[in-house]
Amino acid sequence: MIKQKFRQLHRIVAPIVFLPLFVTVITGVAFRLSRNWFGLSKEQAHILLVIHEAGYLGDEIKPFYVLLNGIGLIWMLITGIVMSGVFSKNKPKQNTDSKANITEPEPE
């Protein structure tokens, strides 16, 4: 029951948080790689950092964007883990019978 509710909420929130998280990841990686691998100066790669930090939103909205981006990521992780069943109490039991692992020889 709870897995179904989490799946439903996960499905609703996922499209909303996908684009901001994707943009944050891509611009963060692109900034670091462009500085380290491609030798761009900080001024040349500054546009990537502005997009990564949501600087285009202004100083009043930027903290809310960052907060909601973080909450969205944490929400997706929690609901994904719950749906995966990692902490489920109903795990299938493994067969510990030693005879079950013995294979019989094939008749000749």
C-alpha atoms as a PDB file:
ATOM      1  CA  MET A   1       0.000   0.000   0.000  1.00  0.00           C
ATOM      2  CA  ILE A   2       2.700   2.489   0.972  1.00  0.00           C
ATOM      3  CA  LYS A   3       4.811   1.497  -2.054  1.00  0.00           C
ATOM      4  CA  GLN A   4       1.881   2.319  -4.329  1.00  0.00           C
ATOM      5  CA  LYS A   5       1.434   5.735  -2.703  1.00  0.00           C
ATOM      6  CA  PHE A   6       5.165   6.492  -2.982  1.00  0.00           C
ATOM      7  CA  ARG A   7       5.145   5.337  -6.618  1.00  0.00           C
ATOM      8  CA  GLN A   8       2.242   7.657  -7.348  1.00  0.00           C
ATOM      9  CA  LEU A   9       3.914  10.636  -5.652  1.00  0.00           C
ATOM     10  CA  HIS A  10       7.254   9.791  -7.288  1.00  0.00           C
ATOM     11  CA  ARG A  11       5.556   9.779 -10.689  1.00  0.00           C
ATOM     12  CA  ILE A  12       4.013  13.204 -10.040  1.00  0.00           C
ATOM     13  CA  VAL A  13       7.168  14.889  -8.712  1.00  0.00           C
ATOM     14  CA  ALA A  14       9.714  13.332 -11.128  1.00  0.00           C
ATOM     15  CA  PRO A  15       8.873  15.429 -14.208  1.00  0.00           C
ATOM     16  CA  ILE A  16       8.895  18.613 -12.117  1.00  0.00           C
ATOM     17  CA  VAL A  17      12.341  18.085 -10.573  1.00  0.00           C
ATOM     18  CA  PHE A  18      13.983  16.437 -13.580  1.00  0.00           C
ATOM     19  CA  LEU A  19      14.846  19.549 -15.591  1.00  0.00           C
ATOM     20  CA  PRO A  20      16.299  21.662 -12.735  1.00  0.00           C
ATOM     21  CA  LEU A  21      18.378  18.722 -11.469  1.00  0.00           C
ATOM     22  CA  PHE A  22      19.525  17.837 -14.974  1.00  0.00           C
ATOM     23  CA  VAL A  23      20.579  21.418 -15.724  1.00  0.00           C
ATOM     24  CA  THR A  24      22.404  21.661 -12.385  1.00  0.00           C
ATOM     25  CA  VAL A  25      24.326  18.442 -12.981  1.00  0.00           C
ATOM     26  CA  ILE A  26      25.203  19.126 -16.618  1.00  0.00           C
ATOM     27  CA  THR A  27      26.391  22.696 -16.027  1.00  0.00           C
ATOM     28  CA  GLY A  28      28.364  21.694 -12.915  1.00  0.00           C
ATOM     29  CA  VAL A  29      30.169  18.915 -14.731  1.00  0.00           C
ATOM     30  CA  ALA A  30      30.684  21.072 -17.836  1.00  0.00           C
ATOM     31  CA  PHE A  31      32.151  23.890 -15.738  1.00  0.00           C
ATOM     32  CA  ARG A  32      34.615  21.615 -13.954  1.00  0.00           C
ATOM     33  CA  LEU A  33      35.669  19.771 -17.127  1.00  0.00           C
ATOM     34  CA  SER A  34      36.005  22.955 -19.147  1.00  0.00           C
ATOM     35  CA  ARG A  35      38.281  24.431 -16.482  1.00  0.00           C
ATOM     36  CA  ASN A  36      40.405  21.324 -15.855  1.00  0.00           C
ATOM     37  CA  TRP A  37      40.512  19.501 -19.173  1.00  0.00           C
ATOM     38  CA  PHE A  38      40.001  22.238 -21.730  1.00  0.00           C
ATOM     39  CA  GLY A  39      41.891  25.000 -19.922  1.00  0.00           C
ATOM     40  CA  LEU A  40      39.151  27.628 -20.042  1.00  0.00           C
ATOM     41  CA  SER A  41      39.610  30.564 -17.712  1.00  0.00           C
ATOM     42  CA  LYS A  42      37.102  31.291 -14.984  1.00  0.00           C
ATOM     43  CA  GLU A  43      35.765  34.217 -17.030  1.00  0.00           C
ATOM     44  CA  GLN A  44      35.251  32.022 -20.086  1.00  0.00           C
ATOM     45  CA  ALA A  45      33.356  29.363 -18.146  1.00  0.00           C
ATOM     46  CA  HIS A  46      31.447  31.871 -16.005  1.00  0.00           C
ATOM     47  CA  ILE A  47      28.177  31.417 -17.940  1.00  0.00           C
ATOM     48  CA  LEU A  48      28.104  27.750 -16.917  1.00  0.00           C
ATOM     49  CA  LEU A  49      28.524  28.720 -13.282  1.00  0.00           C
ATOM     50  CA  VAL A  50      25.739  31.310 -13.523  1.00  0.00           C
ATOM     51  CA  ILE A  51      23.372  28.674 -14.915  1.00  0.00           C
ATOM     52  CA  HIS A  52      24.540  26.086 -12.372  1.00  0.00           C
ATOM     53  CA  GLU A  53      23.902  28.416  -9.438  1.00  0.00           C
ATOM     54  CA  ALA A  54      20.640  29.780 -10.926  1.00  0.00           C
ATOM     55  CA  GLY A  55      22.111  33.276 -10.930  1.00  0.00           C
ATOM     56  CA  TYR A  56      19.690  34.284 -13.700  1.00  0.00           C
ATOM     57  CA  LEU A  57      16.804  34.134 -11.191  1.00  0.00           C
ATOM     58  CA  GLY A  58      18.087  36.996  -9.065  1.00  0.00           C
ATOM     59  CA  ASP A  59      19.219  37.172  -5.465  1.00  0.00           C
ATOM     60  CA  GLU A  60      15.677  36.999  -4.026  1.00  0.00           C
ATOM     61  CA  ILE A  61      14.523  33.802  -5.769  1.00  0.00           C
ATOM     62  CA  LYS A  62      17.834  31.926  -6.015  1.00  0.00           C
ATOM     63  CA  PRO A  63      17.835  30.584  -2.400  1.00  0.00           C
ATOM     64  CA  PHE A  64      14.333  29.151  -2.867  1.00  0.00           C
ATOM     65  CA  TYR A  65      15.341  27.524  -6.136  1.00  0.00           C
ATOM     66  CA  VAL A  66      18.372  25.910  -4.502  1.00  0.00           C
ATOM     67  CA  LEU A  67      16.280  24.775  -1.530  1.00  0.00           C
ATOM     68  CA  LEU A  68      13.556  23.279  -3.716  1.00  0.00           C
ATOM     69  CA  ASN A  69      16.166  21.637  -5.946  1.00  0.00           C
ATOM     70  CA  GLY A  70      17.729  19.951  -2.898  1.00  0.00           C
ATOM     71  CA  ILE A  71      14.375  18.910  -1.433  1.00  0.00           C
ATOM     72  CA  GLY A  72      13.363  17.500  -4.818  1.00  0.00           C
ATOM     73  CA  LEU A  73      16.534  15.438  -5.032  1.00  0.00           C
ATOM     74  CA  ILE A  74      16.121  14.094  -1.505  1.00  0.00           C
ATOM     75  CA  TRP A  75      12.460  13.279  -2.195  1.00  0.00           C
ATOM     76  CA  MET A  76      13.324  11.355  -5.360  1.00  0.00           C
ATOM     77  CA  LEU A  77      16.036   9.407  -3.525  1.00  0.00           C
ATOM     78  CA  ILE A  78      13.762   8.479  -0.613  1.00  0.00           C
ATOM     79  CA  THR A  79      10.808   7.441  -2.751  1.00  0.00           C
ATOM     80  CA  GLY A  80      13.098   5.544  -5.126  1.00  0.00           C
ATOM     81  CA  ILE A  81      14.690   3.625  -2.258  1.00  0.00           C
ATOM     82  CA  VAL A  82      11.307   2.807  -0.720  1.00  0.00           C
ATOM     83  CA  MET A  83       9.993   1.573  -4.074  1.00  0.00           C
ATOM     84  CA  SER A  84      13.082  -0.540  -4.664  1.00  0.00           C
ATOM     85  CA  GLY A  85      12.338  -2.601  -1.571  1.00  0.00           C
ATOM     86  CA  VAL A  86      15.812  -2.312  -0.061  1.00  0.00           C
ATOM     87  CA  PHE A  87      14.370  -1.951   3.424  1.00  0.00           C
ATOM     88  CA  SER A  88      11.414  -4.276   2.849  1.00  0.00           C
ATOM     89  CA  LYS A  89      10.610  -6.808   5.569  1.00  0.00           C
ATOM     90  CA  ASN A  90       9.069  -9.197   3.035  1.00  0.00           C
ATOM     91  CA  LYS A  91      12.306 -10.281   1.388  1.00  0.00           C
ATOM     92  CA  PRO A  92      12.219 -13.748  -0.148  1.00  0.00           C
ATOM     93  CA  LYS A  93      13.968 -16.364   1.964  1.00  0.00           C
ATOM     94  CA  GLN A  94      16.992 -18.056   0.471  1.00  0.00           C
ATOM     95  CA  ASN A  95      17.114 -21.826   0.388  1.00  0.00           C
ATOM     96  CA  THR A  96      19.728 -22.954   2.908  1.00  0.00           C
ATOM     97  CA  ASP A  97      19.109 -26.661   2.402  1.00  0.00           C
ATOM     98  CA  SER A  98      22.480 -28.183   1.505  1.00  0.00           C
ATOM     99  CA  LYS A  99      20.857 -30.967  -0.531  1.00  0.00           C
ATOM    100  CA  ALA A 100      19.235 -28.433  -2.845  1.00  0.00           C
ATOM    101  CA  ASN A 101      22.634 -27.400  -4.196  1.00  0.00           C
ATOM    102  CA  ILE A 102      23.738 -30.930  -5.103  1.00  0.00           C
ATOM    103  CA  THR A 103      23.254 -31.873  -8.738  1.00  0.00           C
ATOM    104  CA  GLU A 104      22.628 -35.438  -9.673  1.00  0.00           C
ATOM    105  CA  PRO A 105      24.919 -37.064 -12.234  1.00  0.00           C
ATOM    106  CA  GLU A 106      23.496 -37.590 -15.690  1.00  0.00           C
ATOM    107  CA  PRO A 107      22.771 -41.181 -16.667  1.00  0.00           C
ATOM    108  CA  GLU A 108      25.134 -42.622 -19.243  1.00  0.00           C
END
